[in-house]
N, C-alpha and C. Protein backbone atom coordinates (compact mmCIF):
# COMPACT_ATOMS: atom_id res chain seq x y z
N MET A 1 -125.10 85.01 24.66
CA MET A 1 -126.12 84.51 25.57
C MET A 1 -126.68 85.64 26.45
N ASP A 2 -125.83 86.60 26.82
CA ASP A 2 -126.28 87.66 27.71
C ASP A 2 -127.15 88.68 26.98
N ASN A 3 -127.09 88.74 25.67
CA ASN A 3 -127.85 89.74 24.91
C ASN A 3 -129.32 89.34 24.79
N ARG A 4 -129.97 89.22 25.93
CA ARG A 4 -131.38 88.85 25.94
C ARG A 4 -132.16 89.92 26.68
N HIS A 5 -133.17 90.44 26.03
CA HIS A 5 -133.99 91.48 26.64
C HIS A 5 -134.46 91.00 28.01
N THR A 6 -134.31 91.87 29.01
CA THR A 6 -134.65 91.51 30.39
C THR A 6 -135.55 92.57 31.00
N ILE A 7 -136.62 92.11 31.61
CA ILE A 7 -137.54 93.01 32.30
C ILE A 7 -137.48 92.66 33.79
N ILE A 8 -137.24 93.67 34.61
CA ILE A 8 -137.24 93.49 36.06
C ILE A 8 -138.57 94.02 36.58
N LEU A 9 -139.30 93.15 37.27
CA LEU A 9 -140.58 93.52 37.89
C LEU A 9 -140.31 93.73 39.38
N MET A 10 -140.75 94.87 39.91
CA MET A 10 -140.40 95.18 41.28
C MET A 10 -141.57 95.83 42.00
N GLN A 11 -141.71 95.48 43.26
CA GLN A 11 -142.65 96.16 44.15
C GLN A 11 -141.84 96.53 45.38
N THR A 12 -141.67 97.84 45.62
CA THR A 12 -140.76 98.28 46.67
C THR A 12 -141.34 98.18 48.08
N SER A 13 -142.67 98.23 48.20
CA SER A 13 -143.30 98.15 49.52
C SER A 13 -144.57 97.30 49.42
N GLN A 14 -145.27 97.17 50.53
CA GLN A 14 -146.51 96.40 50.51
C GLN A 14 -147.62 97.12 49.74
N ASN A 15 -147.44 98.40 49.50
CA ASN A 15 -148.40 99.17 48.74
C ASN A 15 -148.34 98.76 47.27
N ARG A 16 -149.47 98.28 46.75
CA ARG A 16 -149.49 97.80 45.36
C ARG A 16 -149.14 98.90 44.36
N ALA A 17 -149.33 100.15 44.76
CA ALA A 17 -149.01 101.28 43.89
C ALA A 17 -147.51 101.43 43.67
N SER A 18 -146.71 100.73 44.48
CA SER A 18 -145.25 100.81 44.32
C SER A 18 -144.73 99.84 43.26
N ARG A 19 -145.63 99.12 42.61
CA ARG A 19 -145.21 98.21 41.55
C ARG A 19 -144.66 99.00 40.37
N THR A 20 -143.56 98.50 39.83
CA THR A 20 -142.97 99.14 38.65
C THR A 20 -142.17 98.11 37.88
N PHE A 21 -141.65 98.51 36.74
CA PHE A 21 -140.79 97.62 35.97
C PHE A 21 -139.68 98.44 35.33
N MET A 22 -138.61 97.77 35.01
CA MET A 22 -137.49 98.37 34.29
C MET A 22 -137.11 97.39 33.20
N ASP A 23 -136.81 97.88 32.01
CA ASP A 23 -136.39 96.92 30.98
C ASP A 23 -135.02 97.28 30.45
N TYR A 24 -134.28 96.24 30.08
CA TYR A 24 -132.88 96.35 29.68
C TYR A 24 -132.62 95.46 28.47
N GLU A 25 -131.57 95.79 27.75
CA GLU A 25 -131.21 95.03 26.56
C GLU A 25 -130.48 93.72 26.88
N SER A 26 -130.00 93.58 28.13
CA SER A 26 -129.28 92.36 28.50
C SER A 26 -129.43 92.08 29.99
N ILE A 27 -129.08 90.87 30.38
CA ILE A 27 -129.11 90.49 31.79
C ILE A 27 -128.09 91.33 32.55
N SER A 28 -126.90 91.54 31.98
CA SER A 28 -125.87 92.34 32.65
C SER A 28 -126.35 93.76 32.93
N GLN A 29 -127.00 94.36 31.93
CA GLN A 29 -127.51 95.72 32.13
C GLN A 29 -128.59 95.73 33.22
N ALA A 30 -129.39 94.68 33.28
CA ALA A 30 -130.42 94.60 34.32
C ALA A 30 -129.78 94.52 35.70
N MET A 31 -128.71 93.75 35.84
CA MET A 31 -128.03 93.64 37.13
C MET A 31 -127.37 94.97 37.49
N ASP A 32 -126.80 95.65 36.50
CA ASP A 32 -126.24 96.98 36.74
C ASP A 32 -127.33 97.93 37.21
N GLY A 33 -128.52 97.80 36.63
CA GLY A 33 -129.64 98.65 37.02
C GLY A 33 -130.08 98.42 38.45
N ILE A 34 -130.10 97.17 38.89
CA ILE A 34 -130.47 96.86 40.27
C ILE A 34 -129.42 97.42 41.23
N CYS A 35 -128.14 97.26 40.88
CA CYS A 35 -127.08 97.82 41.71
C CYS A 35 -127.19 99.34 41.77
N ALA A 36 -127.48 99.97 40.64
CA ALA A 36 -127.62 101.44 40.60
C ALA A 36 -128.80 101.89 41.46
N LEU A 37 -129.87 101.13 41.46
CA LEU A 37 -131.03 101.43 42.28
C LEU A 37 -130.64 101.41 43.76
N TYR A 38 -129.89 100.40 44.16
CA TYR A 38 -129.42 100.29 45.54
C TYR A 38 -128.47 101.44 45.87
N GLU A 39 -127.58 101.77 44.96
CA GLU A 39 -126.63 102.85 45.20
C GLU A 39 -127.35 104.20 45.35
N ARG A 40 -128.40 104.43 44.56
CA ARG A 40 -129.19 105.65 44.72
C ARG A 40 -129.85 105.70 46.09
N LYS A 41 -130.35 104.54 46.54
CA LYS A 41 -130.96 104.46 47.86
C LYS A 41 -129.93 104.78 48.95
N LEU A 42 -128.72 104.25 48.81
CA LEU A 42 -127.66 104.53 49.77
C LEU A 42 -127.33 106.03 49.81
N LYS A 43 -127.30 106.66 48.65
CA LYS A 43 -127.01 108.10 48.58
C LYS A 43 -128.14 108.92 49.21
N GLU A 44 -129.38 108.44 49.06
CA GLU A 44 -130.52 109.10 49.70
C GLU A 44 -130.38 109.06 51.22
N ILE A 45 -130.01 107.89 51.71
CA ILE A 45 -129.90 107.68 53.16
C ILE A 45 -128.68 108.42 53.72
N ASN A 46 -127.61 108.51 52.96
CA ASN A 46 -126.35 109.11 53.39
C ASN A 46 -125.94 110.26 52.47
N PRO A 47 -126.70 111.36 52.46
CA PRO A 47 -126.44 112.42 51.48
C PRO A 47 -125.08 113.13 51.66
N THR A 48 -124.50 113.06 52.84
CA THR A 48 -123.24 113.77 53.07
C THR A 48 -122.00 112.95 52.73
N LEU A 49 -122.16 111.65 52.56
CA LEU A 49 -121.00 110.80 52.24
C LEU A 49 -120.64 110.94 50.77
N ARG A 50 -119.35 111.15 50.51
CA ARG A 50 -118.90 111.27 49.12
C ARG A 50 -118.67 109.91 48.49
N ASN A 51 -118.08 109.01 49.26
CA ASN A 51 -117.81 107.66 48.75
C ASN A 51 -118.63 106.66 49.55
N ILE A 52 -119.43 105.91 48.84
CA ILE A 52 -120.27 104.90 49.48
C ILE A 52 -119.83 103.53 48.98
N SER A 53 -119.60 102.63 49.92
CA SER A 53 -119.24 101.27 49.53
C SER A 53 -120.21 100.29 50.20
N TYR A 54 -120.32 99.12 49.61
CA TYR A 54 -121.19 98.09 50.15
C TYR A 54 -120.65 96.74 49.72
N ASP A 55 -121.10 95.70 50.42
CA ASP A 55 -120.70 94.36 50.03
C ASP A 55 -121.92 93.60 49.54
N ILE A 56 -121.71 92.40 49.10
CA ILE A 56 -122.79 91.61 48.50
C ILE A 56 -123.91 91.34 49.51
N GLY A 57 -123.54 91.20 50.77
CA GLY A 57 -124.55 90.98 51.81
C GLY A 57 -125.50 92.16 51.93
N ASP A 58 -124.95 93.38 51.81
CA ASP A 58 -125.78 94.59 51.85
C ASP A 58 -126.74 94.61 50.66
N LEU A 59 -126.23 94.27 49.49
CA LEU A 59 -127.07 94.24 48.30
C LEU A 59 -128.17 93.18 48.44
N TYR A 60 -127.80 92.02 48.96
CA TYR A 60 -128.79 90.96 49.18
C TYR A 60 -129.88 91.42 50.16
N ASN A 61 -129.48 92.13 51.22
CA ASN A 61 -130.47 92.63 52.19
C ASN A 61 -131.43 93.60 51.52
N PHE A 62 -130.90 94.44 50.64
CA PHE A 62 -131.75 95.37 49.89
C PHE A 62 -132.74 94.60 49.02
N ILE A 63 -132.23 93.61 48.29
CA ILE A 63 -133.08 92.80 47.40
C ILE A 63 -134.14 92.06 48.23
N ASP A 64 -133.73 91.48 49.35
CA ASP A 64 -134.68 90.74 50.19
C ASP A 64 -135.69 91.67 50.86
N GLY A 65 -135.33 92.95 51.02
CA GLY A 65 -136.22 93.91 51.65
C GLY A 65 -137.32 94.42 50.73
N LEU A 66 -137.19 94.16 49.45
CA LEU A 66 -138.24 94.57 48.52
C LEU A 66 -139.44 93.65 48.68
N ALA A 67 -140.64 94.21 48.56
CA ALA A 67 -141.84 93.39 48.71
C ALA A 67 -141.90 92.29 47.67
N ASP A 68 -141.46 92.61 46.44
CA ASP A 68 -141.45 91.60 45.38
C ASP A 68 -140.41 91.98 44.35
N LEU A 69 -139.76 91.00 43.78
CA LEU A 69 -138.75 91.22 42.74
C LEU A 69 -138.65 89.96 41.90
N SER A 70 -138.74 90.14 40.59
CA SER A 70 -138.57 89.01 39.68
C SER A 70 -138.09 89.53 38.33
N GLY A 71 -137.67 88.61 37.50
CA GLY A 71 -137.18 88.99 36.19
C GLY A 71 -137.83 88.17 35.10
N LEU A 72 -137.96 88.77 33.94
CA LEU A 72 -138.41 88.07 32.74
C LEU A 72 -137.32 88.23 31.70
N VAL A 73 -136.83 87.11 31.19
CA VAL A 73 -135.73 87.14 30.23
C VAL A 73 -136.21 86.50 28.93
N TYR A 74 -136.01 87.23 27.83
CA TYR A 74 -136.46 86.75 26.54
C TYR A 74 -135.60 85.58 26.07
N GLU A 75 -136.27 84.50 25.71
CA GLU A 75 -135.59 83.31 25.19
C GLU A 75 -135.92 83.21 23.71
N HIS A 76 -134.91 83.46 22.87
CA HIS A 76 -135.12 83.49 21.43
C HIS A 76 -135.64 82.16 20.87
N SER A 77 -135.17 81.05 21.44
CA SER A 77 -135.54 79.75 20.87
C SER A 77 -137.04 79.45 20.97
N ILE A 78 -137.69 80.01 21.97
CA ILE A 78 -139.14 79.77 22.10
C ILE A 78 -139.95 81.05 21.88
N GLN A 79 -139.25 82.13 21.58
CA GLN A 79 -139.87 83.43 21.34
C GLN A 79 -140.84 83.82 22.45
N ALA A 80 -140.34 83.72 23.68
CA ALA A 80 -141.15 84.05 24.85
C ALA A 80 -140.24 84.45 26.00
N TYR A 81 -140.83 85.05 27.01
CA TYR A 81 -140.07 85.43 28.21
C TYR A 81 -140.16 84.32 29.24
N LEU A 82 -139.03 84.02 29.85
CA LEU A 82 -138.98 83.04 30.93
C LEU A 82 -138.88 83.79 32.26
N PRO A 83 -139.65 83.36 33.28
CA PRO A 83 -139.62 84.05 34.57
C PRO A 83 -138.48 83.55 35.47
N TYR A 84 -137.93 84.46 36.24
CA TYR A 84 -136.88 84.12 37.21
C TYR A 84 -137.18 84.81 38.52
N ASP A 85 -136.82 84.16 39.62
CA ASP A 85 -137.16 84.69 40.94
C ASP A 85 -136.04 85.52 41.56
N ARG A 86 -136.29 85.97 42.75
CA ARG A 86 -135.37 86.82 43.51
C ARG A 86 -134.00 86.15 43.70
N GLU A 87 -134.01 84.84 43.98
CA GLU A 87 -132.73 84.13 44.20
C GLU A 87 -131.89 84.13 42.93
N TRP A 88 -132.51 83.96 41.79
CA TRP A 88 -131.80 84.00 40.50
C TRP A 88 -131.19 85.39 40.30
N ILE A 89 -131.96 86.43 40.62
CA ILE A 89 -131.45 87.80 40.49
C ILE A 89 -130.24 88.00 41.40
N LYS A 90 -130.30 87.48 42.62
CA LYS A 90 -129.16 87.61 43.54
C LYS A 90 -127.93 86.90 42.98
N GLN A 91 -128.10 85.71 42.41
CA GLN A 91 -126.98 84.97 41.81
C GLN A 91 -126.38 85.75 40.64
N LYS A 92 -127.25 86.28 39.77
CA LYS A 92 -126.78 87.03 38.60
C LYS A 92 -126.09 88.33 39.02
N ALA A 93 -126.59 88.97 40.06
CA ALA A 93 -125.97 90.20 40.55
C ALA A 93 -124.57 89.90 41.08
N LEU A 94 -124.43 88.81 41.82
CA LEU A 94 -123.12 88.41 42.33
C LEU A 94 -122.17 88.12 41.19
N GLN A 95 -122.61 87.37 40.19
CA GLN A 95 -121.76 87.06 39.03
C GLN A 95 -121.33 88.35 38.34
N ARG A 96 -122.25 89.29 38.19
CA ARG A 96 -121.94 90.55 37.53
C ARG A 96 -120.92 91.36 38.31
N LEU A 97 -121.09 91.45 39.63
CA LEU A 97 -120.13 92.21 40.44
C LEU A 97 -118.76 91.55 40.44
N LYS A 98 -118.73 90.22 40.45
CA LYS A 98 -117.44 89.52 40.39
C LYS A 98 -116.74 89.84 39.06
N LYS A 99 -117.50 89.84 37.97
CA LYS A 99 -116.93 90.13 36.66
C LYS A 99 -116.40 91.55 36.61
N LEU A 100 -117.13 92.49 37.17
CA LEU A 100 -116.70 93.89 37.18
C LEU A 100 -115.47 94.11 38.06
N ALA A 101 -115.32 93.27 39.09
CA ALA A 101 -114.20 93.43 40.03
C ALA A 101 -112.87 92.95 39.44
N ARG A 102 -112.90 92.18 38.38
CA ARG A 102 -111.66 91.65 37.79
C ARG A 102 -110.83 92.73 37.16
């Protein structure tokens, strides 16, 4: 079920030129990509820290701070992409981090 091509559409600021997309082979990889994006941002902000940690609330604040964020997930049965909103991405990110923490 997770092996579905996923496209993340993102706008980082109110500037329309900040629109971009990232594509992944699965929902899990897409969630890993969003976490990696946040981790890179944390390293930018804190260049001298060797170990950076965060909790789900921090990740949610990052996601909520983006001007726009949504996902498109390929559904084989209808041969089309289904759209998902920011809240869905937050739920999937939490599920992914819980799975990785086991």
